Amino acid sequence: MRYRRAMMLLASAGGNRVPVIAQLVQADEDTVRDLIHRFNEIGLACLDPKWAGGRPRLLKPDDEDFVIQTATTRPTSSASPSPAGPSPNFVACLRKVHGRVIWIGREALRSLLARRGVTFQRTKTWKESPDPDREAKLERIEEVLDRFPDRAFAFDEFGPLGIRPTAGSGWVERKHPDRVPATYHRTHRVRCFHGCYSVGDDRLWGINCRKKGAANTPAALKSIRAARPDGAPICVVLDNLSAHKGADIPSLGEEAQGRAVLHPNGCASWANPIEAHFGPLRQFTIAHSNYPNHTVQTRALHAYLRWRNDNARHRDDLAAERKERARIRSEKGIRWGGHPLAAAA
């Protein structure tokens, strides 16, 4: 029907008369005239006529609004019927909610909810940082990443890394999925990967430890300090984990003569640049794997790190991104204040 009506409009646009068009599509002349008049009124929407057949509709517009309101309202007491259930339960509760009877079938209900953009979803949780200095910390991190990318580093833990078959996904022959065996006894314990990321060089590295803790964090931070052997001041972005607040960690700055500035990200993990690289790290090393021990797993992890650093993004691309962020910041009128790295530089 849509194709046939489109042929009528195309023939009319070509300058053909109504009798010729009617003979072309084997339709009545009045049908062609009605379509042309309808096109002049509503445009291409006439290609999809909404003909209503059968009995008249039982739901009025206010009834539809009431159904949508009931579907999106959570029950506040056990006395009120719960709409958060399958379609048959919802249809049954609509017939006795608040004394208003709504007669609607399952298919009509499905069409109404789809037309109004309402779907059945699971409830999700969210949390906000309780740090009162969160905004100041985020601004300081953004300033460091934009103004001093060659001296900015990120640190975080990845794990725990266990020795067990892990499912994954990939392209395989139809009806022949790859399978990994199941394990009943796990005697290898776990490991933790302490990841380090250089923002300016776009380079990722790290060390594996038996567990995360304040005793293992300084070793990873010292590897970051060694990435700038010239003794230039650096800035490390990390989160507020208790393992990052040990008694040995502040001594890192003292040993470097105050040249290391630690910036906790205020319980906002998305502000840490290294978080974006842990997803591919898990996908390429942990997913779809069955390592026999931690030695083989560590070799695979560091093999991926070598490949990733050899295929890192070009520095010109990173510079272009920072230039674009600076342009947006200038349009918004954002001005940075003083920073310890600026004074040291």
Protein backbone atom coordinates (compact mmCIF):
# COMPACT_ATOMS: atom_id res chain seq x y z
CA MET A 1 0.00 0.00 0.00
CA ARG A 2 2.82 2.41 0.86
CA TYR A 3 4.61 1.68 -2.43
CA ARG A 4 1.39 2.05 -4.42
CA ARG A 5 0.54 5.43 -2.90
CA ALA A 6 4.10 6.61 -3.49
CA MET A 7 3.73 5.71 -7.19
CA MET A 8 0.61 7.89 -7.37
CA LEU A 9 2.45 10.88 -5.89
CA LEU A 10 5.46 10.37 -8.14
CA ALA A 11 3.26 10.16 -11.23
CA SER A 12 1.35 13.29 -10.17
CA ALA A 13 4.64 15.15 -9.65
CA GLY A 14 5.60 14.14 -13.19
CA GLY A 15 2.63 16.06 -14.59
CA ASN A 16 0.32 13.11 -15.33
CA ARG A 17 -3.43 13.62 -15.13
CA VAL A 18 -5.64 11.75 -12.70
CA PRO A 19 -7.18 9.31 -15.28
CA VAL A 20 -3.68 8.30 -16.44
CA ILE A 21 -2.49 7.74 -12.86
CA ALA A 22 -5.59 5.71 -12.02
CA GLN A 23 -5.02 3.49 -15.04
CA LEU A 24 -1.33 3.10 -14.15
CA VAL A 25 -1.91 1.83 -10.60
CA GLN A 26 -5.29 0.19 -11.32
CA ALA A 27 -7.14 2.38 -8.83
CA ASP A 28 -10.24 4.51 -8.82
CA GLU A 29 -9.87 8.14 -9.87
CA ASP A 30 -11.45 9.37 -6.63
CA THR A 31 -8.77 7.46 -4.69
CA VAL A 32 -6.04 9.27 -6.61
CA ARG A 33 -7.69 12.67 -6.05
CA ASP A 34 -8.12 12.01 -2.32
CA LEU A 35 -4.45 11.05 -2.02
CA ILE A 36 -3.28 14.20 -3.82
CA HIS A 37 -5.48 16.40 -1.63
CA ARG A 38 -4.23 14.59 1.47
CA PHE A 39 -0.62 15.11 0.37
CA ASN A 40 -1.26 18.84 0.01
CA GLU A 41 -2.55 18.85 3.59
CA ILE A 42 -0.07 16.70 5.57
CA GLY A 43 2.77 15.95 3.17
CA LEU A 44 4.49 12.54 3.05
CA ALA A 45 2.59 11.40 6.12
CA CYS A 46 -0.20 10.46 3.73
CA LEU A 47 1.85 7.41 2.71
CA ASP A 48 0.87 5.77 6.00
CA PRO A 49 -2.92 6.10 6.30
CA LYS A 50 -4.25 5.37 9.75
CA TRP A 51 -7.51 3.71 8.91
CA ALA A 52 -9.57 2.66 11.90
CA GLY A 53 -11.65 -0.41 11.38
CA GLY A 54 -13.86 -2.49 13.61
CA ARG A 55 -15.49 -1.34 16.80
CA PRO A 56 -14.81 2.13 18.22
CA ARG A 57 -11.96 2.56 20.67
CA LEU A 58 -12.75 1.95 24.33
CA LEU A 59 -9.89 4.08 25.69
CA LYS A 60 -10.11 7.84 25.65
CA PRO A 61 -7.01 10.09 25.70
CA ASP A 62 -7.42 10.71 29.43
CA ASP A 63 -7.66 6.94 29.98
CA GLU A 64 -4.37 6.45 28.14
CA ASP A 65 -2.74 9.13 30.28
CA PHE A 66 -4.08 7.37 33.37
CA VAL A 67 -2.57 4.05 32.23
CA ILE A 68 0.82 5.64 31.65
CA GLN A 69 0.69 7.41 35.01
CA THR A 70 -0.21 4.16 36.76
CA ALA A 71 2.58 2.27 35.00
CA THR A 72 5.24 4.80 35.97
CA THR A 73 4.09 5.25 39.60
CA ARG A 74 5.67 3.04 42.23
CA PRO A 75 3.35 1.51 44.86
CA THR A 76 3.58 3.20 48.24
CA SER A 77 1.67 0.63 50.31
CA SER A 78 0.59 -2.98 50.16
CA ALA A 79 -3.01 -1.89 49.66
CA SER A 80 -2.30 -0.34 46.26
CA PRO A 81 -1.85 -2.75 43.34
CA SER A 82 1.66 -2.96 41.95
CA PRO A 83 2.06 -2.18 38.24
CA ALA A 84 5.68 -3.37 38.32
CA GLY A 85 4.93 -6.83 37.01
CA PRO A 86 4.25 -8.77 33.84
CA SER A 87 1.63 -7.59 31.42
CA PRO A 88 -1.22 -9.88 32.62
CA ASN A 89 -0.80 -8.65 36.20
CA PHE A 90 -0.82 -5.05 35.04
CA VAL A 91 -3.94 -5.62 32.96
CA ALA A 92 -5.69 -7.13 35.99
CA CYS A 93 -4.71 -4.30 38.33
CA LEU A 94 -5.96 -1.65 35.89
CA ARG A 95 -9.49 -2.98 36.30
CA LYS A 96 -9.61 -2.18 40.02
CA VAL A 97 -7.13 0.62 40.66
CA HIS A 98 -8.61 3.58 42.52
CA GLY A 99 -12.11 2.40 41.62
CA ARG A 100 -11.58 3.28 37.95
CA VAL A 101 -12.15 0.41 35.54
CA ILE A 102 -9.80 0.34 32.53
CA TRP A 103 -10.60 -2.41 30.04
CA ILE A 104 -7.54 -3.04 27.91
CA GLY A 105 -5.97 -6.13 26.38
CA ARG A 106 -2.37 -7.25 26.52
CA GLU A 107 -1.61 -6.29 22.90
CA ALA A 108 -3.30 -2.90 23.22
CA LEU A 109 -1.35 -2.29 26.43
CA ARG A 110 1.92 -3.25 24.75
CA SER A 111 1.23 -0.90 21.84
CA LEU A 112 0.28 1.95 24.17
CA LEU A 113 3.42 1.59 26.30
CA ALA A 114 5.64 1.35 23.21
CA ARG A 115 4.00 4.40 21.66
CA ARG A 116 4.56 6.43 24.84
CA GLY A 117 8.17 5.25 25.22
CA VAL A 118 7.61 3.29 28.46
CA THR A 119 9.53 0.02 28.89
CA PHE A 120 9.93 -2.51 31.71
CA GLN A 121 13.38 -1.99 33.24
CA ARG A 122 15.31 -2.94 36.33
CA THR A 123 15.93 -0.35 39.00
CA LYS A 124 19.51 0.89 39.15
CA THR A 125 21.40 2.52 41.97
CA TRP A 126 23.65 5.54 41.87
CA LYS A 127 25.86 7.26 44.38
CA GLU A 128 27.41 10.68 44.74
CA SER A 129 30.76 11.51 46.24
CA PRO A 130 30.48 12.59 49.90
CA ASP A 131 33.75 14.51 49.64
CA PRO A 132 33.06 18.22 50.34
CA ASP A 133 36.11 19.16 48.22
CA ARG A 134 35.02 17.06 45.25
CA GLU A 135 34.58 19.93 42.79
CA ALA A 136 37.90 21.51 43.73
CA LYS A 137 39.70 18.18 43.26
CA LEU A 138 38.07 17.57 39.89
CA GLU A 139 39.03 21.04 38.67
CA ARG A 140 42.59 20.50 39.87
CA ILE A 141 42.81 17.15 38.03
CA GLU A 142 41.45 18.68 34.83
CA GLU A 143 43.94 21.52 35.12
CA VAL A 144 46.86 19.12 35.50
CA LEU A 145 45.77 16.94 32.56
CA ASP A 146 45.40 19.97 30.27
CA ARG A 147 48.32 22.14 31.30
CA PHE A 148 50.96 19.54 32.26
CA PRO A 149 50.20 16.31 30.33
CA ASP A 150 53.89 15.35 30.15
CA ARG A 151 54.09 15.41 33.95
CA ALA A 152 50.68 13.87 34.68
CA PHE A 153 50.36 10.21 35.67
CA ALA A 154 47.47 8.04 36.82
CA PHE A 155 47.48 5.09 39.20
CA ASP A 156 44.94 2.48 40.27
CA GLU A 157 44.58 -1.22 41.06
CA PHE A 158 43.13 -3.81 38.67
CA GLY A 159 41.83 -7.09 40.00
CA PRO A 160 41.64 -9.36 41.82
CA LEU A 161 43.14 -11.64 39.18
CA GLY A 162 42.17 -15.25 39.83
CA ILE A 163 43.11 -18.48 38.09
CA ARG A 164 39.81 -19.74 36.76
CA PRO A 165 38.21 -20.21 33.34
CA THR A 166 36.56 -16.98 32.25
CA ALA A 167 33.88 -16.71 29.60
CA GLY A 168 34.18 -14.28 26.74
CA SER A 169 32.82 -13.55 23.27
CA GLY A 170 34.10 -13.77 19.72
CA TRP A 171 33.32 -14.76 16.15
CA VAL A 172 32.97 -18.54 15.75
CA GLU A 173 31.21 -20.96 13.45
CA ARG A 174 27.47 -21.14 13.90
CA LYS A 175 26.34 -23.63 16.57
CA HIS A 176 29.96 -24.33 17.52
CA PRO A 177 30.74 -21.96 20.44
CA ASP A 178 34.11 -22.04 22.14
CA ARG A 179 33.96 -23.65 25.55
CA VAL A 180 36.13 -23.44 28.63
CA PRO A 181 36.16 -26.09 31.38
CA ALA A 182 34.69 -25.56 34.81
CA THR A 183 36.79 -25.61 37.97
CA TYR A 184 35.84 -26.94 41.39
CA HIS A 185 39.07 -26.41 43.32
CA ARG A 186 40.95 -23.12 43.10
CA THR A 187 44.28 -23.31 44.86
CA HIS A 188 46.20 -20.46 43.20
CA ARG A 189 44.83 -17.62 45.30
CA VAL A 190 44.62 -14.19 43.60
CA ARG A 191 46.89 -11.41 42.41
CA CYS A 192 46.44 -7.67 42.02
CA PHE A 193 47.75 -5.55 39.15
CA HIS A 194 48.92 -2.08 40.12
CA GLY A 195 48.49 -0.05 36.92
CA CYS A 196 50.37 3.11 36.02
CA TYR A 197 49.55 5.39 33.10
CA SER A 198 51.50 8.27 31.57
CA VAL A 199 49.07 10.81 30.16
CA GLY A 200 51.55 12.65 27.94
CA ASP A 201 53.15 9.53 26.42
CA ASP A 202 49.92 7.47 26.39
CA ARG A 203 51.87 4.58 27.92
CA LEU A 204 50.50 1.94 30.28
CA TRP A 205 52.51 -0.32 32.59
CA GLY A 206 52.29 -1.88 36.02
CA ILE A 207 53.40 -4.53 38.47
CA ASN A 208 51.68 -7.64 39.84
CA CYS A 209 51.47 -8.13 43.60
CA ARG A 210 49.99 -10.82 45.80
CA LYS A 211 47.48 -8.38 47.27
CA LYS A 212 46.56 -4.72 47.31
CA GLY A 213 47.68 -2.70 50.28
CA ALA A 214 49.69 0.24 51.52
CA ALA A 215 52.84 -1.91 51.46
CA ASN A 216 52.64 -2.49 47.67
CA THR A 217 51.50 0.95 46.55
CA PRO A 218 54.89 2.73 47.03
CA ALA A 219 56.61 0.28 44.63
CA ALA A 220 54.22 1.24 41.83
CA LEU A 221 54.47 4.94 42.64
CA LYS A 222 58.28 4.73 42.56
CA SER A 223 58.03 3.29 39.03
CA ILE A 224 56.07 6.43 38.11
CA ARG A 225 58.78 8.58 39.67
CA ALA A 226 61.38 6.67 37.61
CA ALA A 227 59.46 7.53 34.42
CA ARG A 228 60.80 11.08 34.82
CA PRO A 229 64.47 10.51 35.73
CA ASP A 230 65.24 14.18 35.13
CA GLY A 231 63.73 14.98 38.53
CA ALA A 232 61.00 17.20 37.05
CA PRO A 233 57.93 17.70 39.23
CA ILE A 234 55.14 15.21 38.52
CA CYS A 235 51.49 14.82 39.47
CA VAL A 236 49.84 11.47 40.23
CA VAL A 237 46.04 11.08 40.01
CA LEU A 238 44.64 8.30 42.21
CA ASP A 239 41.52 7.55 44.24
CA ASN A 240 40.83 7.69 47.96
CA LEU A 241 41.43 3.99 48.68
CA SER A 242 42.84 3.35 52.13
CA ALA A 243 45.76 1.50 50.51
CA HIS A 244 46.83 4.84 49.02
CA LYS A 245 47.09 6.51 52.43
CA GLY A 246 49.74 4.40 54.12
CA ALA A 247 52.53 5.80 56.23
CA ASP A 248 55.13 5.02 53.55
CA ILE A 249 53.32 6.78 50.72
CA PRO A 250 53.91 10.42 51.81
CA SER A 251 57.63 9.63 52.03
CA LEU A 252 57.65 9.33 48.26
CA GLY A 253 57.29 13.07 47.97
CA GLU A 254 59.93 13.62 50.64
CA GLU A 255 62.41 11.36 48.88
CA ALA A 256 61.75 13.26 45.67
CA GLN A 257 62.20 16.54 47.56
CA GLY A 258 58.55 17.41 47.34
CA ARG A 259 58.37 16.96 43.59
CA ALA A 260 55.46 14.48 43.58
CA VAL A 261 51.98 15.96 44.03
CA LEU A 262 49.22 13.39 44.72
CA HIS A 263 45.69 14.34 43.63
CA PRO A 264 42.92 12.11 45.09
CA ASN A 265 39.97 12.15 42.70
CA GLY A 266 37.27 12.63 45.35
CA CYS A 267 35.43 9.30 44.96
CA ALA A 268 34.88 10.00 41.25
CA SER A 269 36.61 7.08 39.53
CA TRP A 270 35.65 8.33 36.07
CA ALA A 271 38.00 11.29 36.59
CA ASN A 272 41.01 8.94 36.71
CA PRO A 273 42.45 8.59 33.16
CA ILE A 274 43.61 5.02 33.76
CA GLU A 275 40.08 3.71 34.30
CA ALA A 276 39.34 3.87 30.56
CA HIS A 277 42.20 1.43 29.85
CA PHE A 278 41.17 -1.27 32.31
CA GLY A 279 38.22 -2.30 30.13
CA PRO A 280 40.35 -3.30 27.11
CA LEU A 281 42.88 -4.84 29.50
CA ARG A 282 40.21 -7.12 30.90
CA GLN A 283 38.76 -7.87 27.44
CA PHE A 284 42.07 -8.86 25.84
CA THR A 285 43.68 -10.71 28.75
CA ILE A 286 41.01 -12.03 31.14
CA ALA A 287 37.94 -12.64 28.97
CA HIS A 288 37.85 -15.99 27.17
CA SER A 289 40.89 -17.32 29.02
CA ASN A 290 41.93 -20.40 30.97
CA TYR A 291 45.40 -19.80 32.37
CA PRO A 292 47.08 -22.67 34.26
CA ASN A 293 48.83 -20.40 36.79
CA HIS A 294 49.63 -16.79 37.62
CA THR A 295 52.96 -16.88 35.78
CA VAL A 296 51.28 -17.53 32.43
CA GLN A 297 48.58 -14.99 33.21
CA THR A 298 51.16 -12.31 34.05
CA ARG A 299 53.05 -13.00 30.82
CA ALA A 300 49.87 -12.61 28.80
CA LEU A 301 49.02 -9.39 30.62
CA HIS A 302 52.42 -7.83 29.99
CA ALA A 303 52.39 -9.04 26.38
CA TYR A 304 49.19 -7.07 25.87
CA LEU A 305 50.76 -4.02 27.55
CA ARG A 306 53.72 -4.17 25.15
CA TRP A 307 51.41 -4.47 22.16
CA ARG A 308 49.21 -1.65 23.43
CA ASN A 309 52.17 0.71 23.99
CA ASP A 310 53.61 -0.11 20.56
CA ASN A 311 50.25 0.81 18.99
CA ALA A 312 49.45 3.83 21.16
CA ARG A 313 47.78 6.88 19.72
CA HIS A 314 50.00 9.42 18.05
CA ARG A 315 51.02 12.39 20.14
CA ASP A 316 49.58 14.75 17.51
CA ASP A 317 46.12 13.25 18.10
CA LEU A 318 46.46 13.76 21.84
CA ALA A 319 47.64 17.34 21.30
CA ALA A 320 44.66 18.00 19.04
CA GLU A 321 42.29 16.70 21.74
CA ARG A 322 43.86 18.91 24.39
CA LYS A 323 43.67 21.89 22.03
CA GLU A 324 39.96 21.26 21.48
CA ARG A 325 39.35 21.05 25.24
CA ALA A 326 41.23 24.30 25.69
CA ARG A 327 39.06 25.96 23.04
CA ILE A 328 35.87 24.78 24.77
CA ARG A 329 37.21 25.96 28.11
CA SER A 330 38.02 29.40 26.70
CA GLU A 331 34.51 29.69 25.23
CA LYS A 332 33.05 28.95 28.66
CA GLY A 333 35.34 31.49 30.27
CA ILE A 334 37.14 29.02 32.55
CA ARG A 335 40.47 30.29 33.90
CA TRP A 336 42.89 28.18 35.93
CA GLY A 337 44.51 29.50 39.07
CA GLY A 338 48.00 28.86 40.40
CA HIS A 339 49.31 25.30 40.61
CA PRO A 340 52.43 23.84 42.33
CA LEU A 341 53.65 22.43 38.99
CA ALA A 342 53.42 25.88 37.41
CA ALA A 343 55.52 27.36 40.18
CA ALA A 344 58.08 24.54 39.89
CA ALA A 345 58.24 24.91 36.12
